[in-house]
Amino acid sequence: MNFQGNGMGRIWGALALASLAACGDMVGDYPELMPTDRLLAEPALPGHATDAGRDPAAAGNALDARGRSLAARAGAAPAAGD
C-alpha cells in the first residue's frame, strides 16, 4: 500500500475504530440509573410527627417554647408578626 499525504486517513481510521470499540456493552442490558425502590417508597415521617398529629396545640406550644429559648440565648427579640 502506498499512502500519500500527512497521515490524516490513518488518524481518522484509528479514531473511528476507537469510537466503535467504545460502543460495547460491558455492564449488561441497562445499568441501574435511579434507585426507583427508594424514589417510589413512602416518605419516612420524623418521630415528632405522630405527636403533632395527636395534639397539634401541644406541638405548637413546644415549638414556641423552643423558639423563645433560642431567642433568649441569642439575645434577640422575637420577630414581629411571627
N, C-alpha and C. Protein backbone atom coordinates (compact mmCIF):
# COMPACT_ATOMS: atom_id res chain seq x y z
N MET A 1 0.84 -1.18 0.00
CA MET A 1 0.00 0.00 0.00
C MET A 1 0.88 1.24 0.00
N ASN A 2 0.48 2.15 -0.78
CA ASN A 2 1.23 3.38 -0.90
C ASN A 2 0.36 4.51 -0.39
N PHE A 3 0.62 4.98 0.85
CA PHE A 3 -0.14 6.08 1.43
C PHE A 3 0.58 7.38 1.15
N GLN A 4 -0.16 8.34 0.68
CA GLN A 4 0.41 9.66 0.43
C GLN A 4 -0.34 10.67 1.27
N GLY A 5 0.28 11.72 1.58
CA GLY A 5 -0.35 12.77 2.37
C GLY A 5 0.25 12.83 3.76
N ASN A 6 -0.46 13.44 4.67
CA ASN A 6 0.08 13.67 6.01
C ASN A 6 -0.39 12.63 7.03
N GLY A 7 -1.03 11.58 6.62
CA GLY A 7 -1.44 10.51 7.54
C GLY A 7 -2.77 10.76 8.22
N MET A 8 -3.53 11.73 7.74
CA MET A 8 -4.83 12.03 8.35
C MET A 8 -5.80 10.86 8.18
N GLY A 9 -5.68 10.12 7.10
CA GLY A 9 -6.55 8.96 6.90
C GLY A 9 -6.34 7.91 7.97
N ARG A 10 -5.10 7.71 8.35
CA ARG A 10 -4.80 6.73 9.42
C ARG A 10 -5.33 7.23 10.75
N ILE A 11 -5.18 8.52 10.99
CA ILE A 11 -5.66 9.07 12.26
C ILE A 11 -7.18 8.95 12.35
N TRP A 12 -7.89 9.31 11.28
CA TRP A 12 -9.35 9.20 11.28
C TRP A 12 -9.79 7.75 11.38
N GLY A 13 -9.06 6.86 10.75
CA GLY A 13 -9.39 5.44 10.85
C GLY A 13 -9.21 4.92 12.27
N ALA A 14 -8.14 5.34 12.94
CA ALA A 14 -7.91 4.92 14.32
C ALA A 14 -8.99 5.50 15.24
N LEU A 15 -9.37 6.75 15.01
CA LEU A 15 -10.43 7.34 15.82
C LEU A 15 -11.77 6.64 15.61
N ALA A 16 -12.06 6.28 14.36
CA ALA A 16 -13.31 5.57 14.08
C ALA A 16 -13.31 4.21 14.75
N LEU A 17 -12.19 3.52 14.72
CA LEU A 17 -12.08 2.21 15.35
C LEU A 17 -12.22 2.32 16.87
N ALA A 18 -11.61 3.35 17.45
CA ALA A 18 -11.71 3.55 18.89
C ALA A 18 -13.15 3.89 19.30
N SER A 19 -13.83 4.69 18.49
CA SER A 19 -15.21 5.03 18.85
C SER A 19 -16.13 3.83 18.72
N LEU A 20 -15.88 2.96 17.76
CA LEU A 20 -16.69 1.74 17.66
C LEU A 20 -16.40 0.78 18.81
N ALA A 21 -15.17 0.75 19.27
CA ALA A 21 -14.83 -0.11 20.40
C ALA A 21 -15.50 0.38 21.68
N ALA A 22 -15.73 1.68 21.78
CA ALA A 22 -16.37 2.24 22.97
C ALA A 22 -17.86 1.94 23.03
N CYS A 23 -18.44 1.44 21.96
CA CYS A 23 -19.87 1.16 21.94
C CYS A 23 -20.22 -0.17 22.58
N GLY A 24 -19.25 -0.93 23.02
CA GLY A 24 -19.52 -2.22 23.63
C GLY A 24 -20.27 -2.09 24.93
N ASP A 25 -21.10 -3.06 25.26
CA ASP A 25 -21.90 -3.06 26.48
C ASP A 25 -21.20 -3.92 27.51
N MET A 26 -20.53 -3.30 28.45
CA MET A 26 -19.78 -4.03 29.46
C MET A 26 -20.60 -4.33 30.71
N VAL A 27 -21.72 -3.65 30.91
CA VAL A 27 -22.46 -3.75 32.16
C VAL A 27 -23.59 -4.77 32.09
N GLY A 28 -24.24 -4.85 31.01
CA GLY A 28 -25.43 -5.69 30.89
C GLY A 28 -26.44 -4.96 30.05
N ASP A 29 -27.70 -5.28 30.23
CA ASP A 29 -28.73 -4.61 29.44
C ASP A 29 -28.75 -3.12 29.73
N TYR A 30 -29.07 -2.75 30.97
CA TYR A 30 -29.10 -1.34 31.34
C TYR A 30 -28.58 -1.23 32.77
N PRO A 31 -27.75 -0.24 33.03
CA PRO A 31 -27.33 -0.05 34.42
C PRO A 31 -28.46 0.58 35.22
N GLU A 32 -28.43 0.40 36.50
CA GLU A 32 -29.46 0.99 37.36
C GLU A 32 -29.12 2.46 37.55
N LEU A 33 -29.82 3.32 36.85
CA LEU A 33 -29.51 4.74 36.89
C LEU A 33 -30.14 5.44 38.08
N MET A 34 -31.37 5.10 38.41
CA MET A 34 -32.04 5.72 39.54
C MET A 34 -32.61 4.61 40.43
N PRO A 35 -32.39 4.73 41.72
CA PRO A 35 -32.92 3.71 42.64
C PRO A 35 -34.42 3.88 42.81
N THR A 36 -35.19 3.32 41.90
CA THR A 36 -36.63 3.53 41.93
C THR A 36 -37.29 2.96 43.18
N ASP A 37 -36.70 1.95 43.78
CA ASP A 37 -37.29 1.43 45.01
C ASP A 37 -37.25 2.47 46.12
N ARG A 38 -36.23 3.33 46.13
CA ARG A 38 -36.17 4.39 47.13
C ARG A 38 -36.96 5.62 46.69
N LEU A 39 -36.98 5.91 45.40
CA LEU A 39 -37.70 7.08 44.92
C LEU A 39 -39.22 6.92 45.06
N LEU A 40 -39.72 5.71 44.87
CA LEU A 40 -41.15 5.47 44.91
C LEU A 40 -41.65 5.01 46.28
N ALA A 41 -40.75 4.90 47.25
CA ALA A 41 -41.14 4.44 48.58
C ALA A 41 -41.92 5.54 49.30
N GLU A 42 -42.74 5.14 50.23
CA GLU A 42 -43.47 6.10 51.05
C GLU A 42 -42.47 6.92 51.86
N PRO A 43 -42.72 8.21 52.04
CA PRO A 43 -41.78 9.03 52.79
C PRO A 43 -41.77 8.64 54.27
N ALA A 44 -40.61 8.69 54.86
CA ALA A 44 -40.48 8.39 56.28
C ALA A 44 -40.77 9.66 57.07
N LEU A 45 -41.68 9.55 58.02
CA LEU A 45 -42.06 10.70 58.84
C LEU A 45 -41.15 10.78 60.05
N PRO A 46 -40.79 11.98 60.49
CA PRO A 46 -39.96 12.11 61.68
C PRO A 46 -40.73 11.68 62.93
N GLY A 47 -40.01 11.42 63.99
CA GLY A 47 -40.62 10.91 65.21
C GLY A 47 -41.63 11.86 65.83
N HIS A 48 -41.41 13.16 65.72
CA HIS A 48 -42.33 14.10 66.35
C HIS A 48 -43.61 14.31 65.54
N ALA A 49 -43.70 13.73 64.36
CA ALA A 49 -44.90 13.91 63.54
C ALA A 49 -46.11 13.22 64.16
N THR A 50 -45.90 12.08 64.80
CA THR A 50 -47.03 11.40 65.42
C THR A 50 -47.56 12.20 66.61
N ASP A 51 -46.63 12.84 67.37
CA ASP A 51 -47.08 13.68 68.49
C ASP A 51 -47.87 14.87 67.98
N ALA A 52 -47.43 15.48 66.90
CA ALA A 52 -48.13 16.63 66.33
C ALA A 52 -49.48 16.21 65.76
N GLY A 53 -49.58 14.99 65.25
CA GLY A 53 -50.86 14.51 64.73
C GLY A 53 -51.87 14.27 65.83
N ARG A 54 -51.39 13.83 66.98
CA ARG A 54 -52.30 13.57 68.10
C ARG A 54 -52.75 14.86 68.78
N ASP A 55 -51.81 15.78 69.00
CA ASP A 55 -52.14 17.02 69.72
C ASP A 55 -51.37 18.18 69.08
N PRO A 56 -51.94 18.81 68.06
CA PRO A 56 -51.22 19.89 67.37
C PRO A 56 -50.92 21.10 68.27
N ALA A 57 -51.81 21.37 69.22
CA ALA A 57 -51.59 22.53 70.10
C ALA A 57 -50.36 22.31 70.98
N ALA A 58 -50.20 21.11 71.50
CA ALA A 58 -49.04 20.82 72.34
C ALA A 58 -47.75 20.90 71.54
N ALA A 59 -47.79 20.42 70.30
CA ALA A 59 -46.60 20.50 69.46
C ALA A 59 -46.27 21.96 69.14
N GLY A 60 -47.29 22.76 68.88
CA GLY A 60 -47.07 24.19 68.62
C GLY A 60 -46.51 24.91 69.84
N ASN A 61 -47.05 24.57 71.03
CA ASN A 61 -46.55 25.18 72.26
C ASN A 61 -45.10 24.80 72.52
N ALA A 62 -44.75 23.56 72.24
CA ALA A 62 -43.37 23.11 72.43
C ALA A 62 -42.44 23.84 71.45
N LEU A 63 -42.88 24.05 70.23
CA LEU A 63 -42.05 24.79 69.26
C LEU A 63 -41.90 26.25 69.67
N ASP A 64 -42.98 26.85 70.18
CA ASP A 64 -42.91 28.24 70.64
C ASP A 64 -41.93 28.37 71.81
N ALA A 65 -41.99 27.43 72.75
CA ALA A 65 -41.08 27.46 73.90
C ALA A 65 -39.63 27.29 73.44
N ARG A 66 -39.41 26.42 72.49
CA ARG A 66 -38.05 26.24 71.97
C ARG A 66 -37.57 27.51 71.27
N GLY A 67 -38.47 28.16 70.54
CA GLY A 67 -38.11 29.41 69.88
C GLY A 67 -37.76 30.50 70.86
N ARG A 68 -38.54 30.60 71.95
CA ARG A 68 -38.25 31.60 72.97
C ARG A 68 -36.91 31.31 73.65
N SER A 69 -36.63 30.04 73.86
CA SER A 69 -35.37 29.66 74.48
C SER A 69 -34.18 30.01 73.58
N LEU A 70 -34.31 29.76 72.31
CA LEU A 70 -33.23 30.10 71.39
C LEU A 70 -33.06 31.60 71.25
N ALA A 71 -34.18 32.34 71.25
CA ALA A 71 -34.10 33.79 71.14
C ALA A 71 -33.44 34.39 72.38
N ALA A 72 -33.76 33.85 73.55
CA ALA A 72 -33.17 34.35 74.79
C ALA A 72 -31.67 34.06 74.81
N ARG A 73 -31.30 32.89 74.32
CA ARG A 73 -29.89 32.53 74.30
C ARG A 73 -29.12 33.42 73.32
N ALA A 74 -29.78 33.81 72.23
CA ALA A 74 -29.13 34.67 71.24
C ALA A 74 -29.21 36.14 71.62
N GLY A 75 -30.07 36.49 72.57
CA GLY A 75 -30.21 37.88 73.00
C GLY A 75 -31.03 38.71 72.02
N ALA A 76 -31.87 38.08 71.24
CA ALA A 76 -32.67 38.80 70.24
C ALA A 76 -34.13 38.79 70.66
N ALA A 77 -34.84 39.80 70.22
CA ALA A 77 -36.27 39.86 70.46
C ALA A 77 -36.98 39.01 69.43
N PRO A 78 -38.20 38.53 69.75
CA PRO A 78 -38.94 37.74 68.76
C PRO A 78 -39.26 38.57 67.52
N ALA A 79 -39.36 37.92 66.40
CA ALA A 79 -39.65 38.61 65.14
C ALA A 79 -41.07 39.14 65.16
N ALA A 80 -41.27 40.32 64.61
CA ALA A 80 -42.60 40.92 64.56
C ALA A 80 -43.48 40.12 63.62
N GLY A 81 -44.71 39.89 64.00
CA GLY A 81 -45.67 39.17 63.16
C GLY A 81 -45.37 37.69 63.04
N ASP A 82 -44.64 37.16 64.04
CA ASP A 82 -44.27 35.74 63.99
C ASP A 82 -45.48 34.89 64.30
